[in-house]
C-alpha atoms as a PDB file:
ATOM      1  CA  MET A   1      -0.125   0.095   0.042  1.00  0.00           C
ATOM      2  CA  LYS A   2       1.048   3.687  -0.929  1.00  0.00           C
ATOM      3  CA  PRO A   3       1.568   5.936   1.762  1.00  0.00           C
ATOM      4  CA  LEU A   4      -0.835   8.797   2.240  1.00  0.00           C
ATOM      5  CA  LEU A   5      -0.137  12.305   0.940  1.00  0.00           C
ATOM      6  CA  VAL A   6      -2.378  15.098   1.889  1.00  0.00           C
ATOM      7  CA  LEU A   7      -2.473  18.432  -0.153  1.00  0.00           C
ATOM      8  CA  LEU A   8      -3.730  21.308   1.262  1.00  0.00           C
ATOM      9  CA  SER A   9      -4.835  23.990  -0.969  1.00  0.00           C
ATOM     10  CA  ASP A  10      -3.522  27.739  -1.121  1.00  0.00           C
ATOM     11  CA  LEU A  11      -6.084  30.492   0.240  1.00  0.00           C
ATOM     12  CA  TRP A  12      -8.294  29.992  -3.244  1.00  0.00           C
ATOM     13  CA  GLY A  13      -9.223  26.560  -2.514  1.00  0.00           C
ATOM     14  CA  ALA A  14     -10.623  24.359  -5.238  1.00  0.00           C
ATOM     15  CA  LYS A  15     -11.896  27.171  -7.299  1.00  0.00           C
ATOM     16  CA  LYS A  16      -8.539  28.399  -8.504  1.00  0.00           C
ATOM     17  CA  SER A  17      -6.419  25.609  -8.201  1.00  0.00           C
ATOM     18  CA  GLU A  18      -5.916  24.145 -11.945  1.00  0.00           C
ATOM     19  CA  TRP A  19      -2.351  23.627 -11.160  1.00  0.00           C
ATOM     20  CA  TRP A  20      -2.571  21.220  -8.502  1.00  0.00           C
ATOM     21  CA  PRO A  21      -2.452  18.110 -10.865  1.00  0.00           C
ATOM     22  CA  LEU A  22       1.338  19.085 -11.706  1.00  0.00           C
ATOM     23  CA  ASN A  23       1.632  17.779  -7.936  1.00  0.00           C
ATOM     24  CA  THR A  24      -0.653  14.691  -8.143  1.00  0.00           C
ATOM     25  CA  ASP A  25       0.310  13.557 -11.536  1.00  0.00           C
ATOM     26  CA  PHE A  26       4.453  13.117 -10.604  1.00  0.00           C
ATOM     27  CA  LEU A  27       3.490  11.999  -7.161  1.00  0.00           C
ATOM     28  CA  GLY A  28       0.383   9.737  -7.519  1.00  0.00           C
ATOM     29  CA  SER A  29       2.726   6.421  -8.663  1.00  0.00           C
ATOM     30  CA  HIS A  30       4.647   6.622  -4.814  1.00  0.00           C
ATOM     31  CA  TYR A  31       1.783   8.060  -2.923  1.00  0.00           C
ATOM     32  CA  GLU A  32      -2.004   7.805  -2.363  1.00  0.00           C
ATOM     33  CA  PRO A  33      -3.093  11.679  -2.668  1.00  0.00           C
ATOM     34  CA  ILE A  34      -5.815  13.144  -0.821  1.00  0.00           C
ATOM     35  CA  TRP A  35      -6.716  16.996  -2.032  1.00  0.00           C
ATOM     36  CA  LEU A  36      -8.018  18.942   0.791  1.00  0.00           C
ATOM     37  CA  ASP A  37      -9.552  22.424   0.088  1.00  0.00           C
ATOM     38  CA  SER A  38      -8.409  24.758   2.576  1.00  0.00           C
ATOM     39  CA  CYS A  39     -11.502  27.004   2.027  1.00  0.00           C
ATOM     40  CA  THR A  40     -13.980  24.104   2.841  1.00  0.00           C
ATOM     41  CA  LEU A  41     -11.712  23.248   5.930  1.00  0.00           C
ATOM     42  CA  GLY A  42     -11.783  26.779   7.121  1.00  0.00           C
ATOM     43  CA  GLY A  43     -15.451  27.267   6.718  1.00  0.00           C
ATOM     44  CA  ILE A  44     -14.669  30.242   4.023  1.00  0.00           C
ATOM     45  CA  ASN A  45     -17.298  32.228   2.473  1.00  0.00           C
ATOM     46  CA  THR A  46     -15.800  32.393  -1.112  1.00  0.00           C
ATOM     47  CA  MET A  47     -18.216  35.285  -1.950  1.00  0.00           C
ATOM     48  CA  PRO A  48     -17.013  37.926  -2.881  1.00  0.00           C
ATOM     49  CA  TYR A  49     -13.983  35.636  -4.532  1.00  0.00           C
ATOM     50  CA  THR A  50     -11.538  38.075  -3.822  1.00  0.00           C
ATOM     51  CA  GLN A  51      -7.931  37.479  -2.113  1.00  0.00           C
ATOM     52  CA  GLU A  52      -8.260  40.183   0.651  1.00  0.00           C
ATOM     53  CA  HIS A  53     -11.672  38.851   1.468  1.00  0.00           C
ATOM     54  CA  LEU A  54     -10.077  35.297   1.899  1.00  0.00           C
ATOM     55  CA  HIS A  55      -7.240  36.307   3.509  1.00  0.00           C
ATOM     56  CA  GLN A  56      -9.198  38.273   6.392  1.00  0.00           C
ATOM     57  CA  GLN A  57     -11.478  35.181   6.887  1.00  0.00           C
ATOM     58  CA  PHE A  58      -8.488  32.931   7.190  1.00  0.00           C
ATOM     59  CA  ILE A  59      -6.627  35.079   9.742  1.00  0.00           C
ATOM     60  CA  HIS A  60      -9.896  35.783  11.526  1.00  0.00           C
ATOM     61  CA  GLY A  61     -10.990  32.232  12.600  1.00  0.00           C
ATOM     62  CA  GLY A  62     -10.743  30.280   9.634  1.00  0.00           C
ATOM     63  CA  ILE A  63      -7.316  28.968  10.041  1.00  0.00           C
ATOM     64  CA  ASP A  64      -8.242  27.859  13.523  1.00  0.00           C
ATOM     65  CA  ARG A  65     -11.412  25.798  12.045  1.00  0.00           C
ATOM     66  CA  ALA A  66      -9.497  24.312   9.299  1.00  0.00           C
ATOM     67  CA  VAL A  67      -6.890  22.890  12.055  1.00  0.00           C
ATOM     68  CA  THR A  68      -9.992  21.569  14.048  1.00  0.00           C
ATOM     69  CA  ASN A  69     -11.697  20.065  10.500  1.00  0.00           C
ATOM     70  CA  LEU A  70      -8.073  18.545   9.506  1.00  0.00           C
ATOM     71  CA  LEU A  71      -7.667  17.000  13.043  1.00  0.00           C
ATOM     72  CA  GLN A  72     -10.847  15.292  12.870  1.00  0.00           C
ATOM     73  CA  GLN A  73     -10.651  14.113   9.275  1.00  0.00           C
ATOM     74  CA  SER A  74      -7.083  12.476   9.752  1.00  0.00           C
ATOM     75  CA  GLN A  75      -8.666  10.176  12.419  1.00  0.00           C
ATOM     76  CA  GLN A  76      -9.974   8.126   9.331  1.00  0.00           C
ATOM     77  CA  TRP A  77      -6.453   8.134   7.875  1.00  0.00           C
ATOM     78  CA  PRO A  78      -3.682   5.233   7.817  1.00  0.00           C
ATOM     79  CA  THR A  79      -0.919   6.276  10.156  1.00  0.00           C
ATOM     80  CA  SER A  80       2.016   6.821   7.309  1.00  0.00           C
ATOM     81  CA  ARG A  81       1.033  10.373   6.073  1.00  0.00           C
ATOM     82  CA  THR A  82       2.794  12.980   4.319  1.00  0.00           C
ATOM     83  CA  ILE A  83       1.629  16.641   3.976  1.00  0.00           C
ATOM     84  CA  LEU A  84       2.156  18.828   0.935  1.00  0.00           C
ATOM     85  CA  ALA A  85       0.919  22.162   1.661  1.00  0.00           C
ATOM     86  CA  PHE A  86       0.541  25.289  -0.109  1.00  0.00           C
ATOM     87  CA  SER A  87       0.372  28.856   1.221  1.00  0.00           C
ATOM     88  CA  VAL A  88      -2.245  28.735   3.816  1.00  0.00           C
ATOM     89  CA  GLY A  89      -2.113  25.149   4.022  1.00  0.00           C
ATOM     90  CA  GLY A  90       1.095  25.158   5.263  1.00  0.00           C
ATOM     91  CA  VAL A  91       0.258  27.418   8.276  1.00  0.00           C
ATOM     92  CA  ILE A  92      -2.919  24.683   8.917  1.00  0.00           C
ATOM     93  CA  ALA A  93      -0.812  22.229   8.525  1.00  0.00           C
ATOM     94  CA  TRP A  94       1.687  23.414  11.017  1.00  0.00           C
ATOM     95  CA  LYS A  95      -0.514  24.112  13.510  1.00  0.00           C
ATOM     96  CA  ALA A  96      -2.143  20.637  13.362  1.00  0.00           C
ATOM     97  CA  ILE A  97       0.957  19.307  13.817  1.00  0.00           C
ATOM     98  CA  GLN A  98       1.429  21.477  16.925  1.00  0.00           C
ATOM     99  CA  ALA A  99      -1.760  20.176  18.221  1.00  0.00           C
ATOM    100  CA  GLY A 100      -1.030  16.337  17.686  1.00  0.00           C
ATOM    101  CA  LEU A 101      -1.343  15.685  13.954  1.00  0.00           C
ATOM    102  CA  LYS A 102       0.893  13.021  13.275  1.00  0.00           C
ATOM    103  CA  VAL A 103       2.633  13.143  10.223  1.00  0.00           C
ATOM    104  CA  ASP A 104       6.107  11.713   9.010  1.00  0.00           C
ATOM    105  CA  ARG A 105       7.062  14.797   6.658  1.00  0.00           C
ATOM    106  CA  LEU A 106       5.936  18.210   5.945  1.00  0.00           C
ATOM    107  CA  TYR A 107       6.243  19.565   2.521  1.00  0.00           C
ATOM    108  CA  ALA A 108       5.340  23.645   2.766  1.00  0.00           C
ATOM    109  CA  ILE A 109       5.522  25.943  -0.272  1.00  0.00           C
ATOM    110  CA  SER A 110       4.849  29.494   0.224  1.00  0.00           C
ATOM    111  CA  ALA A 111       3.660  29.428   3.671  1.00  0.00           C
ATOM    112  CA  THR A 112       4.453  32.989   4.446  1.00  0.00           C
ATOM    113  CA  ARG A 113       2.262  33.136   7.744  1.00  0.00           C
ATOM    114  CA  LEU A 114       4.833  30.435   9.438  1.00  0.00           C
ATOM    115  CA  ARG A 115       6.943  33.777   9.812  1.00  0.00           C
ATOM    116  CA  TYR A 116       4.747  34.338  12.819  1.00  0.00           C
ATOM    117  CA  GLU A 117       5.236  30.709  14.226  1.00  0.00           C
ATOM    118  CA  GLU A 118       7.361  31.201  17.525  1.00  0.00           C
ATOM    119  CA  VAL A 119       8.182  27.157  18.206  1.00  0.00           C
ATOM    120  CA  PRO A 120       9.829  25.190  15.388  1.00  0.00           C
ATOM    121  CA  LEU A 121       8.684  21.825  14.295  1.00  0.00           C
ATOM    122  CA  LEU A 122      11.079  18.945  15.261  1.00  0.00           C
ATOM    123  CA  MET A 123      10.063  16.686  12.255  1.00  0.00           C
ATOM    124  CA  ASN A 124      11.460  15.936   8.765  1.00  0.00           C
ATOM    125  CA  GLY A 125      10.706  17.599   5.594  1.00  0.00           C
ATOM    126  CA  GLN A 126      11.105  20.945   3.967  1.00  0.00           C
ATOM    127  CA  LEU A 127       9.917  24.518   3.067  1.00  0.00           C
ATOM    128  CA  TRP A 128      10.296  26.607   0.052  1.00  0.00           C
ATOM    129  CA  TYR A 129       9.755  30.201  -0.717  1.00  0.00           C
ATOM    130  CA  GLY A 130      10.402  32.268  -3.604  1.00  0.00           C
ATOM    131  CA  SER A 131      12.803  34.819  -3.252  1.00  0.00           C
ATOM    132  CA  ASP A 132      10.887  37.482  -4.729  1.00  0.00           C
ATOM    133  CA  ASP A 133       8.101  36.748  -2.188  1.00  0.00           C
ATOM    134  CA  ALA A 134       8.043  39.652   0.218  1.00  0.00           C
ATOM    135  CA  PHE A 135       6.202  38.115   2.955  1.00  0.00           C
ATOM    136  CA  ARG A 136       8.489  34.816   3.160  1.00  0.00           C
ATOM    137  CA  PRO A 137      10.311  34.344   6.734  1.00  0.00           C
ATOM    138  CA  GLN A 138      13.586  36.149   7.370  1.00  0.00           C
ATOM    139  CA  SER A 139      16.615  34.119   7.023  1.00  0.00           C
ATOM    140  CA  GLU A 140      16.929  34.236  10.939  1.00  0.00           C
ATOM    141  CA  TRP A 141      13.607  32.226  11.365  1.00  0.00           C
ATOM    142  CA  LEU A 142      14.522  29.959   8.816  1.00  0.00           C
ATOM    143  CA  ALA A 143      17.885  29.101  10.394  1.00  0.00           C
ATOM    144  CA  GLN A 144      15.947  28.078  13.614  1.00  0.00           C
ATOM    145  CA  GLN A 145      13.820  25.308  11.782  1.00  0.00           C
ATOM    146  CA  GLN A 146      14.736  21.933  11.790  1.00  0.00           C
ATOM    147  CA  LEU A 147      13.009  21.640   8.429  1.00  0.00           C
ATOM    148  CA  LYS A 148      15.398  22.203   5.323  1.00  0.00           C
ATOM    149  CA  THR A 149      14.529  25.159   3.549  1.00  0.00           C
ATOM    150  CA  GLU A 150      15.139  26.363   0.009  1.00  0.00           C
ATOM    151  CA  ILE A 151      14.651  29.799  -1.734  1.00  0.00           C
ATOM    152  CA  LEU A 152      13.871  29.712  -5.075  1.00  0.00           C
ATOM    153  CA  VAL A 153      15.424  32.407  -6.908  1.00  0.00           C
ATOM    154  CA  GLY A 154      13.587  34.580  -9.241  1.00  0.00           C
ATOM    155  CA  TYR A 155      10.114  33.530  -7.812  1.00  0.00           C
ATOM    156  CA  GLY A 156       7.357  35.136  -6.035  1.00  0.00           C
ATOM    157  CA  HIS A 157       4.546  33.599  -3.877  1.00  0.00           C
ATOM    158  CA  ASP A 158       3.071  31.718  -6.767  1.00  0.00           C
ATOM    159  CA  CYS A 159       5.727  29.426  -7.276  1.00  0.00           C
ATOM    160  CA  TYR A 160       4.179  26.271  -6.742  1.00  0.00           C
ATOM    161  CA  GLN A 161       2.301  26.475  -9.702  1.00  0.00           C
ATOM    162  CA  ASP A 162       5.226  26.464 -12.158  1.00  0.00           C
ATOM    163  CA  GLY A 163       5.652  22.877 -13.434  1.00  0.00           C
ATOM    164  CA  MET A 164       9.401  22.728 -12.778  1.00  0.00           C
ATOM    165  CA  ILE A 165       8.945  23.743  -9.276  1.00  0.00           C
ATOM    166  CA  ALA A 166       6.075  20.986  -8.756  1.00  0.00           C
ATOM    167  CA  GLN A 167       8.459  18.658 -10.402  1.00  0.00           C
ATOM    168  CA  ASP A 168      11.264  19.504  -8.056  1.00  0.00           C
ATOM    169  CA  VAL A 169       9.168  18.922  -4.925  1.00  0.00           C
ATOM    170  CA  ALA A 170       7.846  16.009  -5.890  1.00  0.00           C
ATOM    171  CA  LYS A 171      11.500  14.361  -6.476  1.00  0.00           C
ATOM    172  CA  GLN A 172      12.237  15.552  -3.103  1.00  0.00           C
ATOM    173  CA  ALA A 173       9.247  14.011  -1.709  1.00  0.00           C
ATOM    174  CA  ILE A 174       9.934  10.806  -3.174  1.00  0.00           C
ATOM    175  CA  GLY A 175      13.267  10.789  -2.665  1.00  0.00           C
ATOM    176  CA  ASP A 176      13.047  11.180   1.094  1.00  0.00           C
ATOM    177  CA  THR A 177      10.417   8.252   1.079  1.00  0.00           C
ATOM    178  CA  MET A 178      13.010   6.063  -0.006  1.00  0.00           C
ATOM    179  CA  LEU A 179      15.081   6.834   2.721  1.00  0.00           C
END
């Protein structure tokens, strides 16, 4: 049986995630993927469907609701699991792990809100940030993490929507499962 790979969307959720097959196409041969919509997990009202409207809902209770719902859903999953999270999905995963979610590895891309997290996660995985993302954590914060980090030179916040980046992330995740 393949290990479980939980993919957590960015703040746009499923409505604007045409790019997510870039990840599942590469990873499906090594993992059993489950795609979770962060908007659904957080009980986010997507009307109006604007970045600011969604963002405000996530920071005013949506992240906490998403963590609670993720923890509840995880009770039905096998014990071997990896999370690949995009943007706000990364902070949802981080907080769920702090609240007791058991995972083998965490991969988070453009999870800029992690810059506010004060307690590092002591686990395996990796964080990726675009060098041109104005909200990425400072180098001091990154140096305090046990998770490996990589800065993607010349990329912005939406770097995870690029096919080359998706392929590199997939190769890292697949390589880690072979260890």
